[in-house]
Amino acid sequence: MRCKHALMTLRDAIDKSYWSLLASAHLPGEQYTEPVGDPGYFGPGSAIWYVHGDVSGVLGGVSGLLLGTLNEPVTHGTNRHSDYLQDPIRRLGFTASFVMGVTYGSTPVADKLCATVRAMHKRVQGTMPDGRPYSATRSEDIIWTGVTQAYSALRAHVRYHPRPLRGKDLDRYLADYAVINERLGADPARIPRTREEVREYFAMMRPRLTVSEETLEAVRFLRGAYGNDPAARVGSQIISRVATDLLPPWAKRLLGLHPRTPVGPLAARAAGIAITRVLRSGVRWRPIEEAHARVGAPYTPPTAL
């Protein structure tokens, strides 16, 4: 009985620490129960429901933020119009609220969340010190942010999910994520929707990517420890190292993060396997449970994978 109680206490602690990071703040209108029967933008048979329903997506999300810093105007705009350096937990909560809400929420909920973010984007515009303009409403910048997130989520999914999607199903995920980019205002004709198109997109973008002190400052912050309790801070530090390892080699070289020996990647991947197993054993996915119940679909929790 004592062992069972201790195990339950540990699972509760894991669940509390996880959601204290990801659910500390919510965008208005985020909910998963109504209207009954509405599958939202995607529905239970979609690739995006499957990929985002596992803790490996968090590793991909942090890796996507690191990769995204290489587009200097986007990073500059984020720094000038965001409080993430002062309150990273709140900003992470809003980001998670948007991704979860648009993925699993009903159509009216997803529409409202996208409208909220579009309104926020209208305030993010200006000119960099070197004269380059930046604007979060530009199709190019929306695509960059979306593609770096989707690409990184897939890398984490393939590496750390116990039963990852394969082949064309990975393209289905990219096509799903492209819908989110469209709803945020990106030009549908220019959004990559397959792995090959993403490779071509990065080949086009790489000559335009730069590393400034502002970029490196953002990377140092993202690779730091954050959270309101020791367990969350230790966990975030591990996640940031695993997320760094998920970066493509060319991005690691640009950011000065390329490993000097094989030991670093091996340690990061062992840590990635360990932390995803720990999180799967303790995290309860209430929003996803509610979304499945809303559409009357059976739900298998990630802990059962």
C-alpha atoms as a PDB file:
ATOM      1  CA  MET A   1       0.000   0.000   0.000  1.00  0.00           C
ATOM      2  CA  ARG A   2       2.827   2.393   0.871  1.00  0.00           C
ATOM      3  CA  CYS A   3       4.503   1.778  -2.492  1.00  0.00           C
ATOM      4  CA  LYS A   4       1.225   2.366  -4.307  1.00  0.00           C
ATOM      5  CA  HIS A   5       0.631   5.605  -2.382  1.00  0.00           C
ATOM      6  CA  ALA A   6       4.188   6.766  -3.064  1.00  0.00           C
ATOM      7  CA  LEU A   7       3.748   6.033  -6.764  1.00  0.00           C
ATOM      8  CA  MET A   8       0.492   8.003  -6.869  1.00  0.00           C
ATOM      9  CA  THR A   9       2.168  10.908  -5.054  1.00  0.00           C
ATOM     10  CA  LEU A  10       5.038  10.887  -7.549  1.00  0.00           C
ATOM     11  CA  ARG A  11       2.640  10.873 -10.510  1.00  0.00           C
ATOM     12  CA  ASP A  12       0.696  13.762  -9.015  1.00  0.00           C
ATOM     13  CA  ALA A  13       3.940  15.707  -8.558  1.00  0.00           C
ATOM     14  CA  ILE A  14       4.985  15.061 -12.181  1.00  0.00           C
ATOM     15  CA  ASP A  15       1.560  16.134 -13.445  1.00  0.00           C
ATOM     16  CA  LYS A  16       1.565  19.288 -11.295  1.00  0.00           C
ATOM     17  CA  SER A  17       5.076  20.343 -12.361  1.00  0.00           C
ATOM     18  CA  TYR A  18       4.337  19.719 -16.037  1.00  0.00           C
ATOM     19  CA  TRP A  19       1.138  21.737 -16.131  1.00  0.00           C
ATOM     20  CA  SER A  20       2.585  24.500 -13.938  1.00  0.00           C
ATOM     21  CA  LEU A  21       4.892  25.173 -16.890  1.00  0.00           C
ATOM     22  CA  LEU A  22       2.467  24.630 -19.765  1.00  0.00           C
ATOM     23  CA  ALA A  23      -0.809  25.831 -18.265  1.00  0.00           C
ATOM     24  CA  SER A  24       0.184  28.815 -16.135  1.00  0.00           C
ATOM     25  CA  ALA A  25      -1.692  31.157 -18.492  1.00  0.00           C
ATOM     26  CA  HIS A  26      -4.473  30.703 -21.040  1.00  0.00           C
ATOM     27  CA  LEU A  27      -5.718  32.640 -24.022  1.00  0.00           C
ATOM     28  CA  PRO A  28      -9.348  33.730 -23.670  1.00  0.00           C
ATOM     29  CA  GLY A  29     -11.802  31.194 -25.027  1.00  0.00           C
ATOM     30  CA  GLU A  30      -9.642  28.076 -24.675  1.00  0.00           C
ATOM     31  CA  GLN A  31     -11.872  25.095 -23.840  1.00  0.00           C
ATOM     32  CA  TYR A  32     -12.398  21.588 -25.181  1.00  0.00           C
ATOM     33  CA  THR A  33     -15.927  20.485 -24.286  1.00  0.00           C
ATOM     34  CA  GLU A  34     -18.243  22.477 -26.588  1.00  0.00           C
ATOM     35  CA  PRO A  35     -19.964  22.430 -28.964  1.00  0.00           C
ATOM     36  CA  VAL A  36     -20.519  18.699 -28.717  1.00  0.00           C
ATOM     37  CA  GLY A  37     -19.757  16.829 -31.937  1.00  0.00           C
ATOM     38  CA  ASP A  38     -17.592  19.563 -33.497  1.00  0.00           C
ATOM     39  CA  PRO A  39     -14.199  18.007 -34.442  1.00  0.00           C
ATOM     40  CA  GLY A  40     -12.461  21.355 -34.902  1.00  0.00           C
ATOM     41  CA  TYR A  41      -9.949  21.953 -37.672  1.00  0.00           C
ATOM     42  CA  PHE A  42      -8.593  18.380 -37.590  1.00  0.00           C
ATOM     43  CA  GLY A  43     -10.390  15.705 -35.574  1.00  0.00           C
ATOM     44  CA  PRO A  44      -9.364  12.447 -33.868  1.00  0.00           C
ATOM     45  CA  GLY A  45      -8.123  10.709 -37.026  1.00  0.00           C
ATOM     46  CA  SER A  46      -5.660  13.463 -37.897  1.00  0.00           C
ATOM     47  CA  ALA A  47      -1.890  13.266 -37.744  1.00  0.00           C
ATOM     48  CA  ILE A  48      -1.691  16.434 -35.651  1.00  0.00           C
ATOM     49  CA  TRP A  49      -3.915  14.985 -32.908  1.00  0.00           C
ATOM     50  CA  TYR A  50      -1.590  12.009 -32.746  1.00  0.00           C
ATOM     51  CA  VAL A  51       1.689  13.956 -32.737  1.00  0.00           C
ATOM     52  CA  HIS A  52       0.588  16.636 -30.278  1.00  0.00           C
ATOM     53  CA  GLY A  53      -0.852  14.030 -27.929  1.00  0.00           C
ATOM     54  CA  ASP A  54       2.545  12.987 -26.588  1.00  0.00           C
ATOM     55  CA  VAL A  55       5.094  14.720 -24.341  1.00  0.00           C
ATOM     56  CA  SER A  56       7.721  14.460 -27.095  1.00  0.00           C
ATOM     57  CA  GLY A  57       5.949  17.457 -28.618  1.00  0.00           C
ATOM     58  CA  VAL A  58       7.274  19.646 -25.796  1.00  0.00           C
ATOM     59  CA  LEU A  59      10.853  18.750 -26.743  1.00  0.00           C
ATOM     60  CA  GLY A  60      10.050  19.672 -30.332  1.00  0.00           C
ATOM     61  CA  GLY A  61       8.443  22.932 -29.259  1.00  0.00           C
ATOM     62  CA  VAL A  62      11.562  24.121 -27.414  1.00  0.00           C
ATOM     63  CA  SER A  63      13.783  22.973 -30.284  1.00  0.00           C
ATOM     64  CA  GLY A  64      11.568  24.944 -32.669  1.00  0.00           C
ATOM     65  CA  LEU A  65      12.040  28.088 -30.577  1.00  0.00           C
ATOM     66  CA  LEU A  66      15.817  27.632 -30.735  1.00  0.00           C
ATOM     67  CA  LEU A  67      15.730  27.105 -34.487  1.00  0.00           C
ATOM     68  CA  GLY A  68      13.426  30.091 -34.922  1.00  0.00           C
ATOM     69  CA  THR A  69      15.978  32.486 -33.393  1.00  0.00           C
ATOM     70  CA  LEU A  70      18.069  32.264 -36.573  1.00  0.00           C
ATOM     71  CA  ASN A  71      15.634  34.552 -38.384  1.00  0.00           C
ATOM     72  CA  GLU A  72      16.923  37.769 -36.841  1.00  0.00           C
ATOM     73  CA  PRO A  73      13.969  40.078 -37.656  1.00  0.00           C
ATOM     74  CA  VAL A  74      11.577  37.579 -36.062  1.00  0.00           C
ATOM     75  CA  THR A  75      13.774  37.342 -32.966  1.00  0.00           C
ATOM     76  CA  HIS A  76      14.124  41.114 -32.748  1.00  0.00           C
ATOM     77  CA  GLY A  77      10.371  41.613 -33.015  1.00  0.00           C
ATOM     78  CA  THR A  78       9.734  38.999 -30.329  1.00  0.00           C
ATOM     79  CA  ASN A  79      12.243  40.637 -27.987  1.00  0.00           C
ATOM     80  CA  ARG A  80      10.800  44.114 -28.480  1.00  0.00           C
ATOM     81  CA  HIS A  81       7.149  43.194 -28.102  1.00  0.00           C
ATOM     82  CA  SER A  82       7.133  40.288 -25.660  1.00  0.00           C
ATOM     83  CA  ASP A  83       7.656  39.894 -21.912  1.00  0.00           C
ATOM     84  CA  TYR A  84       9.020  36.365 -22.169  1.00  0.00           C
ATOM     85  CA  LEU A  85      12.378  37.364 -20.635  1.00  0.00           C
ATOM     86  CA  GLN A  86      10.580  38.808 -17.604  1.00  0.00           C
ATOM     87  CA  ASP A  87       7.854  36.156 -17.325  1.00  0.00           C
ATOM     88  CA  PRO A  88       8.790  33.070 -19.383  1.00  0.00           C
ATOM     89  CA  ILE A  89       6.274  30.792 -17.663  1.00  0.00           C
ATOM     90  CA  ARG A  90       3.370  33.050 -18.610  1.00  0.00           C
ATOM     91  CA  ARG A  91       4.567  33.282 -22.222  1.00  0.00           C
ATOM     92  CA  LEU A  92       5.032  29.504 -22.417  1.00  0.00           C
ATOM     93  CA  GLY A  93       1.510  29.092 -21.066  1.00  0.00           C
ATOM     94  CA  PHE A  94       0.038  31.316 -23.774  1.00  0.00           C
ATOM     95  CA  THR A  95       1.974  29.459 -26.484  1.00  0.00           C
ATOM     96  CA  ALA A  96       0.830  26.069 -25.199  1.00  0.00           C
ATOM     97  CA  SER A  97      -2.735  27.404 -24.887  1.00  0.00           C
ATOM     98  CA  PHE A  98      -2.733  28.391 -28.544  1.00  0.00           C
ATOM     99  CA  VAL A  99      -1.215  25.170 -29.890  1.00  0.00           C
ATOM    100  CA  MET A 100      -3.406  22.891 -27.766  1.00  0.00           C
ATOM    101  CA  GLY A 101      -6.534  24.961 -28.356  1.00  0.00           C
ATOM    102  CA  VAL A 102      -6.167  25.150 -32.133  1.00  0.00           C
ATOM    103  CA  THR A 103      -5.248  21.455 -32.335  1.00  0.00           C
ATOM    104  CA  TYR A 104      -7.948  19.995 -30.104  1.00  0.00           C
ATOM    105  CA  GLY A 105     -10.543  22.738 -29.692  1.00  0.00           C
ATOM    106  CA  SER A 106     -13.805  22.954 -31.608  1.00  0.00           C
ATOM    107  CA  THR A 107     -14.008  25.122 -34.733  1.00  0.00           C
ATOM    108  CA  PRO A 108     -15.372  28.215 -32.896  1.00  0.00           C
ATOM    109  CA  VAL A 109     -12.645  27.894 -30.262  1.00  0.00           C
ATOM    110  CA  ALA A 110      -9.870  27.514 -32.833  1.00  0.00           C
ATOM    111  CA  ASP A 111     -11.242  30.447 -34.827  1.00  0.00           C
ATOM    112  CA  LYS A 112     -11.274  32.652 -31.726  1.00  0.00           C
ATOM    113  CA  LEU A 113      -7.724  31.704 -30.714  1.00  0.00           C
ATOM    114  CA  CYS A 114      -6.409  32.424 -34.208  1.00  0.00           C
ATOM    115  CA  ALA A 115      -8.198  35.792 -34.229  1.00  0.00           C
ATOM    116  CA  THR A 116      -6.659  36.628 -30.845  1.00  0.00           C
ATOM    117  CA  VAL A 117      -3.141  35.831 -32.040  1.00  0.00           C
ATOM    118  CA  ARG A 118      -3.645  37.751 -35.297  1.00  0.00           C
ATOM    119  CA  ALA A 119      -4.663  40.784 -33.239  1.00  0.00           C
ATOM    120  CA  MET A 120      -1.513  40.386 -31.120  1.00  0.00           C
ATOM    121  CA  HIS A 121       0.610  40.151 -34.265  1.00  0.00           C
ATOM    122  CA  LYS A 122      -0.639  43.518 -35.506  1.00  0.00           C
ATOM    123  CA  ARG A 123       1.202  45.179 -32.608  1.00  0.00           C
ATOM    124  CA  VAL A 124       4.511  43.465 -33.448  1.00  0.00           C
ATOM    125  CA  GLN A 125       6.054  45.654 -36.118  1.00  0.00           C
ATOM    126  CA  GLY A 126       8.832  48.182 -36.482  1.00  0.00           C
ATOM    127  CA  THR A 127      12.338  48.667 -37.820  1.00  0.00           C
ATOM    128  CA  MET A 128      15.564  47.011 -36.704  1.00  0.00           C
ATOM    129  CA  PRO A 129      18.660  49.134 -35.930  1.00  0.00           C
ATOM    130  CA  ASP A 130      20.113  48.225 -39.346  1.00  0.00           C
ATOM    131  CA  GLY A 131      16.977  49.448 -41.117  1.00  0.00           C
ATOM    132  CA  ARG A 132      15.347  46.109 -41.834  1.00  0.00           C
ATOM    133  CA  PRO A 133      11.598  46.095 -41.176  1.00  0.00           C
ATOM    134  CA  TYR A 134       9.902  43.418 -39.137  1.00  0.00           C
ATOM    135  CA  SER A 135       6.236  42.549 -38.757  1.00  0.00           C
ATOM    136  CA  ALA A 136       4.532  39.519 -37.234  1.00  0.00           C
ATOM    137  CA  THR A 137       1.781  39.892 -39.826  1.00  0.00           C
ATOM    138  CA  ARG A 138       4.114  39.234 -42.771  1.00  0.00           C
ATOM    139  CA  SER A 139       3.364  35.947 -44.479  1.00  0.00           C
ATOM    140  CA  GLU A 140       7.097  35.133 -44.633  1.00  0.00           C
ATOM    141  CA  ASP A 141       7.518  35.475 -40.875  1.00  0.00           C
ATOM    142  CA  ILE A 142       4.376  33.481 -40.063  1.00  0.00           C
ATOM    143  CA  ILE A 143       5.622  30.697 -42.325  1.00  0.00           C
ATOM    144  CA  TRP A 144       9.080  30.718 -40.724  1.00  0.00           C
ATOM    145  CA  THR A 145       7.646  30.414 -37.223  1.00  0.00           C
ATOM    146  CA  GLY A 146       5.192  27.697 -38.221  1.00  0.00           C
ATOM    147  CA  VAL A 147       7.638  25.623 -40.250  1.00  0.00           C
ATOM    148  CA  THR A 148      10.364  25.683 -37.580  1.00  0.00           C
ATOM    149  CA  GLN A 149       7.825  24.503 -35.012  1.00  0.00           C
ATOM    150  CA  ALA A 150       6.301  21.778 -37.197  1.00  0.00           C
ATOM    151  CA  TYR A 151       9.696  20.542 -38.408  1.00  0.00           C
ATOM    152  CA  SER A 152      11.058  20.355 -34.863  1.00  0.00           C
ATOM    153  CA  ALA A 153       7.931  18.643 -33.525  1.00  0.00           C
ATOM    154  CA  LEU A 154       8.334  15.944 -36.164  1.00  0.00           C
ATOM    155  CA  ARG A 155      12.012  15.409 -35.322  1.00  0.00           C
ATOM    156  CA  ALA A 156      11.107  14.947 -31.665  1.00  0.00           C
ATOM    157  CA  HIS A 157       8.161  12.710 -32.560  1.00  0.00           C
ATOM    158  CA  VAL A 158      10.207  10.385 -34.751  1.00  0.00           C
ATOM    159  CA  ARG A 159      13.013  10.131 -32.193  1.00  0.00           C
ATOM    160  CA  TYR A 160      11.085   9.848 -28.919  1.00  0.00           C
ATOM    161  CA  HIS A 161       7.531   8.678 -29.571  1.00  0.00           C
ATOM    162  CA  PRO A 162       7.181   4.941 -28.810  1.00  0.00           C
ATOM    163  CA  ARG A 163       5.079   4.435 -31.968  1.00  0.00           C
ATOM    164  CA  PRO A 164       5.932   7.288 -34.322  1.00  0.00           C
ATOM    165  CA  LEU A 165       4.227   8.027 -37.606  1.00  0.00           C
ATOM    166  CA  ARG A 166       6.146   7.019 -40.723  1.00  0.00           C
ATOM    167  CA  GLY A 167       6.349   7.939 -44.402  1.00  0.00           C
ATOM    168  CA  LYS A 168       3.410   9.830 -45.856  1.00  0.00           C
ATOM    169  CA  ASP A 169       1.805  10.155 -42.420  1.00  0.00           C
ATOM    170  CA  LEU A 170       4.613  12.571 -41.523  1.00  0.00           C
ATOM    171  CA  ASP A 171       3.593  14.663 -44.525  1.00  0.00           C
ATOM    172  CA  ARG A 172       0.014  14.550 -43.265  1.00  0.00           C
ATOM    173  CA  TYR A 173       1.202  16.232 -40.071  1.00  0.00           C
ATOM    174  CA  LEU A 174       2.956  19.012 -42.000  1.00  0.00           C
ATOM    175  CA  ALA A 175      -0.181  19.543 -44.069  1.00  0.00           C
ATOM    176  CA  ASP A 176      -2.226  19.790 -40.863  1.00  0.00           C
ATOM    177  CA  TYR A 177       0.136  22.371 -39.385  1.00  0.00           C
ATOM    178  CA  ALA A 178      -0.039  24.363 -42.623  1.00  0.00           C
ATOM    179  CA  VAL A 179      -3.720  24.953 -41.832  1.00  0.00           C
ATOM    180  CA  ILE A 180      -2.688  26.798 -38.661  1.00  0.00           C
ATOM    181  CA  ASN A 181      -0.291  28.982 -40.656  1.00  0.00           C
ATOM    182  CA  GLU A 182      -3.079  29.790 -43.109  1.00  0.00           C
ATOM    183  CA  ARG A 183      -5.438  30.772 -40.309  1.00  0.00           C
ATOM    184  CA  LEU A 184      -2.789  33.135 -38.947  1.00  0.00           C
ATOM    185  CA  GLY A 185      -2.538  34.902 -42.301  1.00  0.00           C
ATOM    186  CA  ALA A 186       0.201  33.131 -44.268  1.00  0.00           C
ATOM    187  CA  ASP A 187      -0.037  32.819 -48.046  1.00  0.00           C
ATOM    188  CA  PRO A 188      -1.378  29.266 -48.639  1.00  0.00           C
ATOM    189  CA  ALA A 189       0.587  28.927 -51.879  1.00  0.00           C
ATOM    190  CA  ARG A 190       3.932  29.410 -50.099  1.00  0.00           C
ATOM    191  CA  ILE A 191       3.530  27.145 -47.057  1.00  0.00           C
ATOM    192  CA  PRO A 192       5.555  23.896 -47.181  1.00  0.00           C
ATOM    193  CA  ARG A 193       3.275  20.892 -46.723  1.00  0.00           C
ATOM    194  CA  THR A 194       5.592  17.885 -47.177  1.00  0.00           C
ATOM    195  CA  ARG A 195       9.016  16.870 -45.909  1.00  0.00           C
ATOM    196  CA  GLU A 196      10.519  17.533 -49.342  1.00  0.00           C
ATOM    197  CA  GLU A 197       8.994  20.997 -49.463  1.00  0.00           C
ATOM    198  CA  VAL A 198      10.342  21.725 -45.984  1.00  0.00           C
ATOM    199  CA  ARG A 199      13.843  20.677 -47.091  1.00  0.00           C
ATOM    200  CA  GLU A 200      13.561  22.988 -50.091  1.00  0.00           C
ATOM    201  CA  TYR A 201      12.283  25.785 -47.869  1.00  0.00           C
ATOM    202  CA  PHE A 202      15.255  25.556 -45.495  1.00  0.00           C
ATOM    203  CA  ALA A 203      17.674  25.410 -48.442  1.00  0.00           C
ATOM    204  CA  MET A 204      16.154  28.692 -49.631  1.00  0.00           C
ATOM    205  CA  MET A 205      16.198  30.293 -46.172  1.00  0.00           C
ATOM    206  CA  ARG A 206      19.654  29.309 -44.956  1.00  0.00           C
ATOM    207  CA  PRO A 207      21.565  32.070 -46.809  1.00  0.00           C
ATOM    208  CA  ARG A 208      19.266  34.626 -45.142  1.00  0.00           C
ATOM    209  CA  LEU A 209      19.798  33.395 -41.583  1.00  0.00           C
ATOM    210  CA  THR A 210      22.105  35.334 -39.277  1.00  0.00           C
ATOM    211  CA  VAL A 211      23.433  35.111 -35.742  1.00  0.00           C
ATOM    212  CA  SER A 212      23.682  38.326 -33.743  1.00  0.00           C
ATOM    213  CA  GLU A 213      24.300  38.961 -30.060  1.00  0.00           C
ATOM    214  CA  GLU A 214      20.541  39.321 -29.711  1.00  0.00           C
ATOM    215  CA  THR A 215      20.120  35.843 -31.232  1.00  0.00           C
ATOM    216  CA  LEU A 216      22.686  34.353 -28.875  1.00  0.00           C
ATOM    217  CA  GLU A 217      21.042  36.047 -25.893  1.00  0.00           C
ATOM    218  CA  ALA A 218      17.722  34.444 -26.813  1.00  0.00           C
ATOM    219  CA  VAL A 219      19.412  31.044 -27.188  1.00  0.00           C
ATOM    220  CA  ARG A 220      21.128  31.376 -23.800  1.00  0.00           C
ATOM    221  CA  PHE A 221      17.790  32.172 -22.224  1.00  0.00           C
ATOM    222  CA  LEU A 222      15.992  29.259 -23.906  1.00  0.00           C
ATOM    223  CA  ARG A 223      18.740  26.881 -22.754  1.00  0.00           C
ATOM    224  CA  GLY A 224      18.483  28.055 -19.148  1.00  0.00           C
ATOM    225  CA  ALA A 225      16.442  26.718 -16.239  1.00  0.00           C
ATOM    226  CA  TYR A 226      12.987  28.099 -15.539  1.00  0.00           C
ATOM    227  CA  GLY A 227      10.015  27.107 -13.440  1.00  0.00           C
ATOM    228  CA  ASN A 228       8.462  27.775 -10.052  1.00  0.00           C
ATOM    229  CA  ASP A 229       9.772  24.710  -8.225  1.00  0.00           C
ATOM    230  CA  PRO A 230      13.031  22.714  -8.222  1.00  0.00           C
ATOM    231  CA  ALA A 231      11.572  19.785 -10.170  1.00  0.00           C
ATOM    232  CA  ALA A 232      10.335  22.087 -12.941  1.00  0.00           C
ATOM    233  CA  ARG A 233      13.683  23.898 -13.128  1.00  0.00           C
ATOM    234  CA  VAL A 234      15.662  20.667 -13.368  1.00  0.00           C
ATOM    235  CA  GLY A 235      13.205  19.287 -15.909  1.00  0.00           C
ATOM    236  CA  SER A 236      13.362  22.421 -18.050  1.00  0.00           C
ATOM    237  CA  GLN A 237      17.159  22.264 -18.077  1.00  0.00           C
ATOM    238  CA  ILE A 238      17.073  18.663 -19.287  1.00  0.00           C
ATOM    239  CA  ILE A 239      14.443  19.483 -21.909  1.00  0.00           C
ATOM    240  CA  SER A 240      16.518  22.376 -23.249  1.00  0.00           C
ATOM    241  CA  ARG A 241      19.567  20.141 -23.718  1.00  0.00           C
ATOM    242  CA  VAL A 242      17.516  17.462 -25.452  1.00  0.00           C
ATOM    243  CA  ALA A 243      15.899  20.153 -27.618  1.00  0.00           C
ATOM    244  CA  THR A 244      19.327  21.455 -28.623  1.00  0.00           C
ATOM    245  CA  ASP A 245      20.334  17.984 -29.765  1.00  0.00           C
ATOM    246  CA  LEU A 246      17.230  17.886 -32.005  1.00  0.00           C
ATOM    247  CA  LEU A 247      18.438  20.881 -34.033  1.00  0.00           C
ATOM    248  CA  PRO A 248      19.672  20.087 -37.555  1.00  0.00           C
ATOM    249  CA  PRO A 249      23.488  20.081 -37.845  1.00  0.00           C
ATOM    250  CA  TRP A 250      23.593  23.295 -39.913  1.00  0.00           C
ATOM    251  CA  ALA A 251      21.643  25.162 -37.213  1.00  0.00           C
ATOM    252  CA  LYS A 252      23.941  23.862 -34.464  1.00  0.00           C
ATOM    253  CA  ARG A 253      26.961  25.116 -36.398  1.00  0.00           C
ATOM    254  CA  LEU A 254      25.437  28.553 -36.933  1.00  0.00           C
ATOM    255  CA  LEU A 255      24.613  28.867 -33.237  1.00  0.00           C
ATOM    256  CA  GLY A 256      27.953  27.485 -32.041  1.00  0.00           C
ATOM    257  CA  LEU A 257      26.238  24.489 -30.464  1.00  0.00           C
ATOM    258  CA  HIS A 258      27.721  21.718 -32.578  1.00  0.00           C
ATOM    259  CA  PRO A 259      29.007  18.938 -30.265  1.00  0.00           C
ATOM    260  CA  ARG A 260      32.773  18.529 -30.104  1.00  0.00           C
ATOM    261  CA  THR A 261      32.564  14.828 -29.195  1.00  0.00           C
ATOM    262  CA  PRO A 262      29.962  12.057 -29.661  1.00  0.00           C
ATOM    263  CA  VAL A 263      29.357  11.953 -25.906  1.00  0.00           C
ATOM    264  CA  GLY A 264      27.092  15.009 -25.824  1.00  0.00           C
ATOM    265  CA  PRO A 265      24.475  13.718 -28.291  1.00  0.00           C
ATOM    266  CA  LEU A 266      24.484  10.269 -26.684  1.00  0.00           C
ATOM    267  CA  ALA A 267      23.859  11.786 -23.256  1.00  0.00           C
ATOM    268  CA  ALA A 268      21.144  14.076 -24.624  1.00  0.00           C
ATOM    269  CA  ARG A 269      19.321  11.201 -26.308  1.00  0.00           C
ATOM    270  CA  ALA A 270      19.503   9.049 -23.193  1.00  0.00           C
ATOM    271  CA  ALA A 271      18.082  11.975 -21.252  1.00  0.00           C
ATOM    272  CA  GLY A 272      15.362  12.433 -23.885  1.00  0.00           C
ATOM    273  CA  ILE A 273      14.279   8.806 -23.583  1.00  0.00           C
ATOM    274  CA  ALA A 274      14.302   9.018 -19.795  1.00  0.00           C
ATOM    275  CA  ILE A 275      12.365  12.277 -19.444  1.00  0.00           C
ATOM    276  CA  THR A 276       9.677  11.325 -21.963  1.00  0.00           C
ATOM    277  CA  ARG A 277       9.126   8.028 -20.132  1.00  0.00           C
ATOM    278  CA  VAL A 278       8.893   9.815 -16.784  1.00  0.00           C
ATOM    279  CA  LEU A 279       6.464  12.406 -18.116  1.00  0.00           C
ATOM    280  CA  ARG A 280       4.279   9.793 -19.833  1.00  0.00           C
ATOM    281  CA  SER A 281       3.983   7.937 -16.541  1.00  0.00           C
ATOM    282  CA  GLY A 282       2.689  10.977 -14.674  1.00  0.00           C
ATOM    283  CA  VAL A 283       1.089  13.540 -16.974  1.00  0.00           C
ATOM    284  CA  ARG A 284      -2.673  13.444 -17.429  1.00  0.00           C
ATOM    285  CA  TRP A 285      -3.862  15.034 -20.673  1.00  0.00           C
ATOM    286  CA  ARG A 286      -7.181  16.536 -19.549  1.00  0.00           C
ATOM    287  CA  PRO A 287      -7.690  18.787 -22.624  1.00  0.00           C
ATOM    288  CA  ILE A 288      -7.192  15.828 -24.956  1.00  0.00           C
ATOM    289  CA  GLU A 289      -9.531  13.646 -22.894  1.00  0.00           C
ATOM    290  CA  GLU A 290     -12.182  16.374 -23.104  1.00  0.00           C
ATOM    291  CA  ALA A 291     -11.672  16.791 -26.864  1.00  0.00           C
ATOM    292  CA  HIS A 292     -12.162  13.082 -27.501  1.00  0.00           C
ATOM    293  CA  ALA A 293     -15.250  13.051 -25.295  1.00  0.00           C
ATOM    294  CA  ARG A 294     -16.643  16.050 -27.200  1.00  0.00           C
ATOM    295  CA  VAL A 295     -16.612  14.111 -30.473  1.00  0.00           C
ATOM    296  CA  GLY A 296     -17.420  10.718 -28.955  1.00  0.00           C
ATOM    297  CA  ALA A 297     -14.089   9.166 -29.939  1.00  0.00           C
ATOM    298  CA  PRO A 298     -12.200   6.574 -27.869  1.00  0.00           C
ATOM    299  CA  TYR A 299      -9.082   7.877 -26.160  1.00  0.00           C
ATOM    300  CA  THR A 300      -5.902   5.966 -25.385  1.00  0.00           C
ATOM    301  CA  PRO A 301      -3.705   8.010 -23.033  1.00  0.00           C
ATOM    302  CA  PRO A 302      -0.015   8.362 -23.900  1.00  0.00           C
ATOM    303  CA  THR A 303       0.919   6.436 -20.711  1.00  0.00           C
ATOM    304  CA  ALA A 304      -0.595   3.327 -22.335  1.00  0.00           C
ATOM    305  CA  LEU A 305       1.615   3.556 -25.431  1.00  0.00           C
END
